[in-house]
Amino acid sequence: MRLAKFLAAGGVASRRASEEIVRSGRVTVDGAVVEDPARDVSPQHTVAVDGEIVGAASERAVYALNKPPGVVSTASDPQGRPTVVSLLPGDVRLYPVGRLDIDTTGLILLTNDGELAYRLTHPRFEVPKTYRVRIANPPVSTTALRKLRAGVALEDGVTAPARVRRVSPAVLELTIHEGRKRQVKRMCEAVGHPVLALERVAFGPLLLGELGPGRWRRLGEAEVRALSQASGA
């Protein structure tokens, strides 16, 4: 098994984050620093991150959290701000699946399954995420809707077509699967409607539902299987 995948399976971080951890020189294999995420390892090797040995993968856990504003979507924060991980019980090592901006609210997943996190967030698996968007300059014009549905030209390229419906003159429901940085905000601003409030209401087949702000719940096996299937696993 590749080293980055081994770390992800051990609950250290997502696979992409594990690759960066390896490249930063924080990982040792049998006492020697390794900076190649593709290095093959097995359970017989002693793998450590920052001197802490990484054991076998623990039981898979996936949680849904309704992220409040002012909470950062990381496992820790050097500025001491509250994190999504700090809102959950501390007896399981978890990390967020992707990120929401600090002022964005709504559904975020946390897990110790690095492979699942990788598949849910990598653009090539096209897992949809749906947002409820309150916009400025209402009502949303038909031209703006048409542009969002066709793909919007941004500084990092044209976006994939979005699914969009108008909930009210000032509120849209928008579904994307790319996950570029601040993508929804940039798309709406590009068509003349800056975002005033943004809430993620669905991640693949999973809905936010009645989960209150700051509340969380552990997903059942059927829900985890549905997420895996949505990512093509």
C-alpha atoms as a PDB file:
ATOM      1  CA  MET A   1       0.000   0.000   0.000  1.00  0.00           C
ATOM      2  CA  ARG A   2       1.245   3.486  -0.821  1.00  0.00           C
ATOM      3  CA  LEU A   3       2.346   5.531   2.165  1.00  0.00           C
ATOM      4  CA  ALA A   4      -0.221   8.326   1.700  1.00  0.00           C
ATOM      5  CA  LYS A   5      -3.028   5.775   1.443  1.00  0.00           C
ATOM      6  CA  PHE A   6      -1.700   4.003   4.556  1.00  0.00           C
ATOM      7  CA  LEU A   7      -1.859   7.267   6.513  1.00  0.00           C
ATOM      8  CA  ALA A   8      -5.365   7.984   5.254  1.00  0.00           C
ATOM      9  CA  ALA A   9      -6.531   4.495   6.193  1.00  0.00           C
ATOM     10  CA  GLY A  10      -5.017   5.018   9.629  1.00  0.00           C
ATOM     11  CA  GLY A  11      -7.128   8.113  10.191  1.00  0.00           C
ATOM     12  CA  VAL A  12      -4.293  10.659   9.985  1.00  0.00           C
ATOM     13  CA  ALA A  13      -5.828  12.847   7.266  1.00  0.00           C
ATOM     14  CA  SER A  14      -7.439  12.654   3.859  1.00  0.00           C
ATOM     15  CA  ARG A  15      -5.303  11.128   1.132  1.00  0.00           C
ATOM     16  CA  ARG A  16      -4.414  14.466  -0.450  1.00  0.00           C
ATOM     17  CA  ALA A  17      -3.578  15.973   2.949  1.00  0.00           C
ATOM     18  CA  SER A  18      -1.541  12.864   3.783  1.00  0.00           C
ATOM     19  CA  GLU A  19       0.508  13.392   0.626  1.00  0.00           C
ATOM     20  CA  GLU A  20       1.404  16.893   1.806  1.00  0.00           C
ATOM     21  CA  ILE A  21       2.269  15.611   5.277  1.00  0.00           C
ATOM     22  CA  VAL A  22       4.687  13.121   3.728  1.00  0.00           C
ATOM     23  CA  ARG A  23       6.274  15.699   1.430  1.00  0.00           C
ATOM     24  CA  SER A  24       6.836  18.029   4.393  1.00  0.00           C
ATOM     25  CA  GLY A  25       9.184  15.482   5.994  1.00  0.00           C
ATOM     26  CA  ARG A  26       6.982  14.713   8.985  1.00  0.00           C
ATOM     27  CA  VAL A  27       6.723  10.970   8.318  1.00  0.00           C
ATOM     28  CA  THR A  28       9.172   8.205   9.152  1.00  0.00           C
ATOM     29  CA  VAL A  29       9.151   4.563   8.071  1.00  0.00           C
ATOM     30  CA  ASP A  30      11.159   2.307  10.372  1.00  0.00           C
ATOM     31  CA  GLY A  31      12.832   5.397  11.801  1.00  0.00           C
ATOM     32  CA  ALA A  32      13.902   6.956   8.486  1.00  0.00           C
ATOM     33  CA  VAL A  33      12.268  10.100   7.088  1.00  0.00           C
ATOM     34  CA  VAL A  34      10.351   9.414   3.869  1.00  0.00           C
ATOM     35  CA  GLU A  35       9.153  12.216   1.595  1.00  0.00           C
ATOM     36  CA  ASP A  36       7.671  10.110  -1.210  1.00  0.00           C
ATOM     37  CA  PRO A  37       3.891   9.593  -0.769  1.00  0.00           C
ATOM     38  CA  ALA A  38       4.035   6.684  -3.239  1.00  0.00           C
ATOM     39  CA  ARG A  39       6.503   4.691  -1.114  1.00  0.00           C
ATOM     40  CA  ASP A  40       5.145   1.174  -0.562  1.00  0.00           C
ATOM     41  CA  VAL A  41       4.568   0.170   3.048  1.00  0.00           C
ATOM     42  CA  SER A  42       2.922  -2.744   4.799  1.00  0.00           C
ATOM     43  CA  PRO A  43       1.613  -3.428   8.321  1.00  0.00           C
ATOM     44  CA  GLN A  44       5.055  -4.809   9.107  1.00  0.00           C
ATOM     45  CA  HIS A  45       6.593  -1.350   8.760  1.00  0.00           C
ATOM     46  CA  THR A  46       6.612   1.104  11.660  1.00  0.00           C
ATOM     47  CA  VAL A  47       5.117   4.325  10.332  1.00  0.00           C
ATOM     48  CA  ALA A  48       5.067   7.485  12.442  1.00  0.00           C
ATOM     49  CA  VAL A  49       3.887  11.079  11.954  1.00  0.00           C
ATOM     50  CA  ASP A  50       5.676  13.672  14.092  1.00  0.00           C
ATOM     51  CA  GLY A  51       6.985  10.772  16.147  1.00  0.00           C
ATOM     52  CA  GLU A  52       3.548   9.265  16.821  1.00  0.00           C
ATOM     53  CA  ILE A  53       3.131   5.741  15.472  1.00  0.00           C
ATOM     54  CA  VAL A  54       0.234   5.230  13.089  1.00  0.00           C
ATOM     55  CA  GLY A  55      -1.644   2.048  13.825  1.00  0.00           C
ATOM     56  CA  ALA A  56      -4.041   0.008  11.778  1.00  0.00           C
ATOM     57  CA  ALA A  57      -7.215   1.621  10.547  1.00  0.00           C
ATOM     58  CA  SER A  58      -9.861   1.995  13.211  1.00  0.00           C
ATOM     59  CA  GLU A  59     -13.554   1.300  12.683  1.00  0.00           C
ATOM     60  CA  ARG A  60     -14.882   3.608   9.999  1.00  0.00           C
ATOM     61  CA  ALA A  61     -16.852   6.541  11.338  1.00  0.00           C
ATOM     62  CA  VAL A  62     -18.652   9.242   9.344  1.00  0.00           C
ATOM     63  CA  TYR A  63     -20.443  12.162  10.984  1.00  0.00           C
ATOM     64  CA  ALA A  64     -22.693  14.886   9.605  1.00  0.00           C
ATOM     65  CA  LEU A  65     -22.399  18.331  11.206  1.00  0.00           C
ATOM     66  CA  ASN A  66     -24.360  21.523  10.633  1.00  0.00           C
ATOM     67  CA  LYS A  67     -21.474  24.004  10.694  1.00  0.00           C
ATOM     68  CA  PRO A  68     -22.312  27.337  12.323  1.00  0.00           C
ATOM     69  CA  PRO A  69     -20.735  30.602  11.118  1.00  0.00           C
ATOM     70  CA  GLY A  70     -17.389  31.505  12.681  1.00  0.00           C
ATOM     71  CA  VAL A  71     -16.174  27.888  12.799  1.00  0.00           C
ATOM     72  CA  VAL A  72     -13.249  26.827  10.603  1.00  0.00           C
ATOM     73  CA  SER A  73     -13.331  23.595   8.599  1.00  0.00           C
ATOM     74  CA  THR A  74     -10.057  22.161   9.886  1.00  0.00           C
ATOM     75  CA  ALA A  75      -8.922  19.760  12.585  1.00  0.00           C
ATOM     76  CA  SER A  76      -6.969  22.503  14.399  1.00  0.00           C
ATOM     77  CA  ASP A  77      -6.445  26.236  14.036  1.00  0.00           C
ATOM     78  CA  PRO A  78      -3.274  28.190  14.934  1.00  0.00           C
ATOM     79  CA  GLN A  79      -5.402  31.281  15.650  1.00  0.00           C
ATOM     80  CA  GLY A  80      -7.401  29.421  18.282  1.00  0.00           C
ATOM     81  CA  ARG A  81     -10.717  29.669  16.463  1.00  0.00           C
ATOM     82  CA  PRO A  82     -13.290  26.909  17.006  1.00  0.00           C
ATOM     83  CA  THR A  83     -13.010  24.073  14.495  1.00  0.00           C
ATOM     84  CA  VAL A  84     -15.540  21.613  13.154  1.00  0.00           C
ATOM     85  CA  VAL A  85     -13.579  18.804  14.803  1.00  0.00           C
ATOM     86  CA  SER A  86     -13.835  20.504  18.208  1.00  0.00           C
ATOM     87  CA  LEU A  87     -17.650  20.353  17.990  1.00  0.00           C
ATOM     88  CA  LEU A  88     -17.661  16.537  17.913  1.00  0.00           C
ATOM     89  CA  PRO A  89     -16.786  13.998  20.602  1.00  0.00           C
ATOM     90  CA  GLY A  90     -13.051  13.665  21.114  1.00  0.00           C
ATOM     91  CA  ASP A  91     -12.811   9.889  21.392  1.00  0.00           C
ATOM     92  CA  VAL A  92     -12.450   9.353  17.615  1.00  0.00           C
ATOM     93  CA  ARG A  93      -9.783  10.896  15.375  1.00  0.00           C
ATOM     94  CA  LEU A  94     -11.708  12.703  12.647  1.00  0.00           C
ATOM     95  CA  TYR A  95     -11.020  15.225   9.938  1.00  0.00           C
ATOM     96  CA  PRO A  96     -13.340  17.218   7.688  1.00  0.00           C
ATOM     97  CA  VAL A  97     -14.291  16.081   4.198  1.00  0.00           C
ATOM     98  CA  GLY A  98     -13.475  19.204   2.199  1.00  0.00           C
ATOM     99  CA  ARG A  99     -14.061  22.691   3.535  1.00  0.00           C
ATOM    100  CA  LEU A 100     -16.645  25.406   3.957  1.00  0.00           C
ATOM    101  CA  ASP A 101     -15.645  29.053   4.305  1.00  0.00           C
ATOM    102  CA  ILE A 102     -15.726  30.398   7.856  1.00  0.00           C
ATOM    103  CA  ASP A 103     -18.901  32.383   7.118  1.00  0.00           C
ATOM    104  CA  THR A 104     -20.594  29.531   5.201  1.00  0.00           C
ATOM    105  CA  THR A 105     -22.958  27.322   7.167  1.00  0.00           C
ATOM    106  CA  GLY A 106     -24.535  23.941   6.698  1.00  0.00           C
ATOM    107  CA  LEU A 107     -23.659  20.343   6.020  1.00  0.00           C
ATOM    108  CA  ILE A 108     -20.074  19.174   6.394  1.00  0.00           C
ATOM    109  CA  LEU A 109     -18.920  15.591   6.813  1.00  0.00           C
ATOM    110  CA  LEU A 110     -16.165  14.376   9.120  1.00  0.00           C
ATOM    111  CA  THR A 111     -14.589  10.933   8.957  1.00  0.00           C
ATOM    112  CA  ASN A 112     -11.576   8.787   9.749  1.00  0.00           C
ATOM    113  CA  ASP A 113     -11.805   7.094   6.330  1.00  0.00           C
ATOM    114  CA  GLY A 114      -9.265   8.809   4.107  1.00  0.00           C
ATOM    115  CA  GLU A 115     -10.188   6.915   0.967  1.00  0.00           C
ATOM    116  CA  LEU A 116     -13.861   7.860   1.289  1.00  0.00           C
ATOM    117  CA  ALA A 117     -12.918  11.498   1.948  1.00  0.00           C
ATOM    118  CA  TYR A 118     -10.693  11.491  -1.131  1.00  0.00           C
ATOM    119  CA  ARG A 119     -13.405  10.105  -3.398  1.00  0.00           C
ATOM    120  CA  LEU A 120     -16.057  12.482  -2.060  1.00  0.00           C
ATOM    121  CA  THR A 121     -13.928  15.576  -2.680  1.00  0.00           C
ATOM    122  CA  HIS A 122     -11.869  14.821  -5.793  1.00  0.00           C
ATOM    123  CA  PRO A 123     -13.445  16.559  -8.822  1.00  0.00           C
ATOM    124  CA  ARG A 124     -13.146  13.518 -11.099  1.00  0.00           C
ATOM    125  CA  PHE A 125     -15.714  11.613  -9.053  1.00  0.00           C
ATOM    126  CA  GLU A 126     -18.250  14.446  -9.555  1.00  0.00           C
ATOM    127  CA  VAL A 127     -20.063  14.087  -6.233  1.00  0.00           C
ATOM    128  CA  PRO A 128     -22.678  16.884  -6.196  1.00  0.00           C
ATOM    129  CA  LYS A 129     -22.989  19.449  -3.413  1.00  0.00           C
ATOM    130  CA  THR A 130     -26.087  21.601  -3.119  1.00  0.00           C
ATOM    131  CA  TYR A 131     -26.194  25.101  -1.617  1.00  0.00           C
ATOM    132  CA  ARG A 132     -28.960  27.492  -0.599  1.00  0.00           C
ATOM    133  CA  VAL A 133     -27.780  30.954  -1.659  1.00  0.00           C
ATOM    134  CA  ARG A 134     -29.182  34.351  -0.630  1.00  0.00           C
ATOM    135  CA  ILE A 135     -28.040  36.886  -3.197  1.00  0.00           C
ATOM    136  CA  ALA A 136     -27.796  40.644  -3.611  1.00  0.00           C
ATOM    137  CA  ASN A 137     -29.496  42.608  -6.384  1.00  0.00           C
ATOM    138  CA  PRO A 138     -32.681  40.546  -6.574  1.00  0.00           C
ATOM    139  CA  PRO A 139     -34.547  39.313  -8.420  1.00  0.00           C
ATOM    140  CA  VAL A 140     -32.257  36.817 -10.155  1.00  0.00           C
ATOM    141  CA  SER A 141     -32.589  37.382 -13.853  1.00  0.00           C
ATOM    142  CA  THR A 142     -33.272  34.700 -16.424  1.00  0.00           C
ATOM    143  CA  THR A 143     -29.979  35.655 -18.062  1.00  0.00           C
ATOM    144  CA  ALA A 144     -28.075  34.997 -14.828  1.00  0.00           C
ATOM    145  CA  LEU A 145     -29.758  31.608 -14.427  1.00  0.00           C
ATOM    146  CA  ARG A 146     -28.885  30.721 -17.999  1.00  0.00           C
ATOM    147  CA  LYS A 147     -25.218  31.608 -17.434  1.00  0.00           C
ATOM    148  CA  LEU A 148     -25.000  29.555 -14.243  1.00  0.00           C
ATOM    149  CA  ARG A 149     -26.551  26.565 -15.996  1.00  0.00           C
ATOM    150  CA  ALA A 150     -24.212  26.863 -18.974  1.00  0.00           C
ATOM    151  CA  GLY A 151     -20.961  27.449 -17.037  1.00  0.00           C
ATOM    152  CA  VAL A 152     -19.430  30.693 -15.822  1.00  0.00           C
ATOM    153  CA  ALA A 153     -16.063  32.079 -16.947  1.00  0.00           C
ATOM    154  CA  LEU A 154     -13.864  32.585 -13.860  1.00  0.00           C
ATOM    155  CA  GLU A 155     -10.181  33.480 -13.573  1.00  0.00           C
ATOM    156  CA  ASP A 156      -9.315  29.780 -13.214  1.00  0.00           C
ATOM    157  CA  GLY A 157     -11.435  28.671 -16.170  1.00  0.00           C
ATOM    158  CA  VAL A 158     -15.044  28.080 -17.124  1.00  0.00           C
ATOM    159  CA  THR A 159     -17.046  26.167 -14.527  1.00  0.00           C
ATOM    160  CA  ALA A 160     -18.966  23.030 -15.285  1.00  0.00           C
ATOM    161  CA  PRO A 161     -22.700  23.616 -15.753  1.00  0.00           C
ATOM    162  CA  ALA A 162     -24.577  23.959 -12.470  1.00  0.00           C
ATOM    163  CA  ARG A 163     -28.080  22.841 -11.606  1.00  0.00           C
ATOM    164  CA  VAL A 164     -29.969  25.923 -10.448  1.00  0.00           C
ATOM    165  CA  ARG A 165     -33.499  26.677  -9.329  1.00  0.00           C
ATOM    166  CA  ARG A 166     -34.961  29.931  -8.095  1.00  0.00           C
ATOM    167  CA  VAL A 167     -36.482  29.413  -4.622  1.00  0.00           C
ATOM    168  CA  SER A 168     -37.575  33.043  -4.277  1.00  0.00           C
ATOM    169  CA  PRO A 169     -36.560  36.346  -5.908  1.00  0.00           C
ATOM    170  CA  ALA A 170     -33.496  36.548  -3.614  1.00  0.00           C
ATOM    171  CA  VAL A 171     -32.724  32.870  -2.984  1.00  0.00           C
ATOM    172  CA  LEU A 172     -31.233  30.231  -5.268  1.00  0.00           C
ATOM    173  CA  GLU A 173     -30.574  26.541  -4.835  1.00  0.00           C
ATOM    174  CA  LEU A 174     -27.410  25.667  -6.725  1.00  0.00           C
ATOM    175  CA  THR A 175     -25.725  22.279  -7.221  1.00  0.00           C
ATOM    176  CA  ILE A 176     -22.094  21.889  -8.343  1.00  0.00           C
ATOM    177  CA  HIS A 177     -19.598  19.036  -8.351  1.00  0.00           C
ATOM    178  CA  GLU A 178     -16.229  20.731  -8.930  1.00  0.00           C
ATOM    179  CA  GLY A 179     -15.424  22.208  -5.524  1.00  0.00           C
ATOM    180  CA  ARG A 180     -13.111  25.043  -6.543  1.00  0.00           C
ATOM    181  CA  LYS A 181     -12.180  27.550  -3.853  1.00  0.00           C
ATOM    182  CA  ARG A 182     -15.118  29.881  -3.104  1.00  0.00           C
ATOM    183  CA  GLN A 183     -16.735  28.619  -6.296  1.00  0.00           C
ATOM    184  CA  VAL A 184     -20.379  29.365  -5.549  1.00  0.00           C
ATOM    185  CA  LYS A 185     -19.582  32.872  -4.350  1.00  0.00           C
ATOM    186  CA  ARG A 186     -17.457  33.596  -7.396  1.00  0.00           C
ATOM    187  CA  MET A 187     -20.044  32.203  -9.814  1.00  0.00           C
ATOM    188  CA  CYS A 188     -22.861  34.281  -8.381  1.00  0.00           C
ATOM    189  CA  GLU A 189     -20.753  37.435  -8.266  1.00  0.00           C
ATOM    190  CA  ALA A 190     -19.734  36.874 -11.902  1.00  0.00           C
ATOM    191  CA  VAL A 191     -23.391  36.970 -12.998  1.00  0.00           C
ATOM    192  CA  GLY A 192     -24.142  40.128 -11.024  1.00  0.00           C
ATOM    193  CA  HIS A 193     -25.500  38.690  -7.774  1.00  0.00           C
ATOM    194  CA  PRO A 194     -22.936  38.693  -4.917  1.00  0.00           C
ATOM    195  CA  VAL A 195     -23.661  36.193  -2.158  1.00  0.00           C
ATOM    196  CA  LEU A 196     -25.064  37.513   1.120  1.00  0.00           C
ATOM    197  CA  ALA A 197     -25.470  34.140   2.841  1.00  0.00           C
ATOM    198  CA  LEU A 198     -24.497  30.607   1.864  1.00  0.00           C
ATOM    199  CA  GLU A 199     -25.611  27.310   3.344  1.00  0.00           C
ATOM    200  CA  ARG A 200     -24.792  23.805   2.105  1.00  0.00           C
ATOM    201  CA  VAL A 201     -27.944  21.705   2.287  1.00  0.00           C
ATOM    202  CA  ALA A 202     -26.836  18.452   0.623  1.00  0.00           C
ATOM    203  CA  PHE A 203     -23.658  16.461   0.029  1.00  0.00           C
ATOM    204  CA  GLY A 204     -24.263  13.759  -2.563  1.00  0.00           C
ATOM    205  CA  PRO A 205     -27.357  11.819  -1.432  1.00  0.00           C
ATOM    206  CA  LEU A 206     -27.121  13.130   2.143  1.00  0.00           C
ATOM    207  CA  LEU A 207     -29.413  15.996   3.147  1.00  0.00           C
ATOM    208  CA  LEU A 208     -28.904  18.479   5.983  1.00  0.00           C
ATOM    209  CA  GLY A 209     -32.549  18.019   6.940  1.00  0.00           C
ATOM    210  CA  GLU A 210     -33.559  19.108  10.432  1.00  0.00           C
ATOM    211  CA  LEU A 211     -30.054  18.997  11.940  1.00  0.00           C
ATOM    212  CA  GLY A 212     -29.713  22.234  13.907  1.00  0.00           C
ATOM    213  CA  PRO A 213     -26.709  24.605  13.815  1.00  0.00           C
ATOM    214  CA  GLY A 214     -23.790  23.137  15.747  1.00  0.00           C
ATOM    215  CA  ARG A 215     -25.515  19.751  16.008  1.00  0.00           C
ATOM    216  CA  TRP A 216     -24.067  16.515  14.667  1.00  0.00           C
ATOM    217  CA  ARG A 217     -24.983  12.890  14.197  1.00  0.00           C
ATOM    218  CA  ARG A 218     -23.134   9.728  13.237  1.00  0.00           C
ATOM    219  CA  LEU A 219     -24.257   8.290   9.917  1.00  0.00           C
ATOM    220  CA  GLY A 220     -25.695   4.805   9.696  1.00  0.00           C
ATOM    221  CA  GLU A 221     -24.190   2.127   7.473  1.00  0.00           C
ATOM    222  CA  ALA A 222     -26.855   2.591   4.799  1.00  0.00           C
ATOM    223  CA  GLU A 223     -26.033   6.314   4.573  1.00  0.00           C
ATOM    224  CA  VAL A 224     -22.292   5.612   4.372  1.00  0.00           C
ATOM    225  CA  ARG A 225     -22.888   3.052   1.626  1.00  0.00           C
ATOM    226  CA  ALA A 226     -24.954   5.615  -0.290  1.00  0.00           C
ATOM    227  CA  LEU A 227     -22.094   8.129  -0.045  1.00  0.00           C
ATOM    228  CA  SER A 228     -19.619   5.494  -1.226  1.00  0.00           C
ATOM    229  CA  GLN A 229     -21.845   4.634  -4.176  1.00  0.00           C
ATOM    230  CA  ALA A 230     -22.200   8.315  -5.052  1.00  0.00           C
ATOM    231  CA  SER A 231     -18.407   8.512  -5.351  1.00  0.00           C
ATOM    232  CA  GLY A 232     -18.283   5.420  -7.568  1.00  0.00           C
ATOM    233  CA  ALA A 233     -16.763   3.162  -4.920  1.00  0.00           C
END
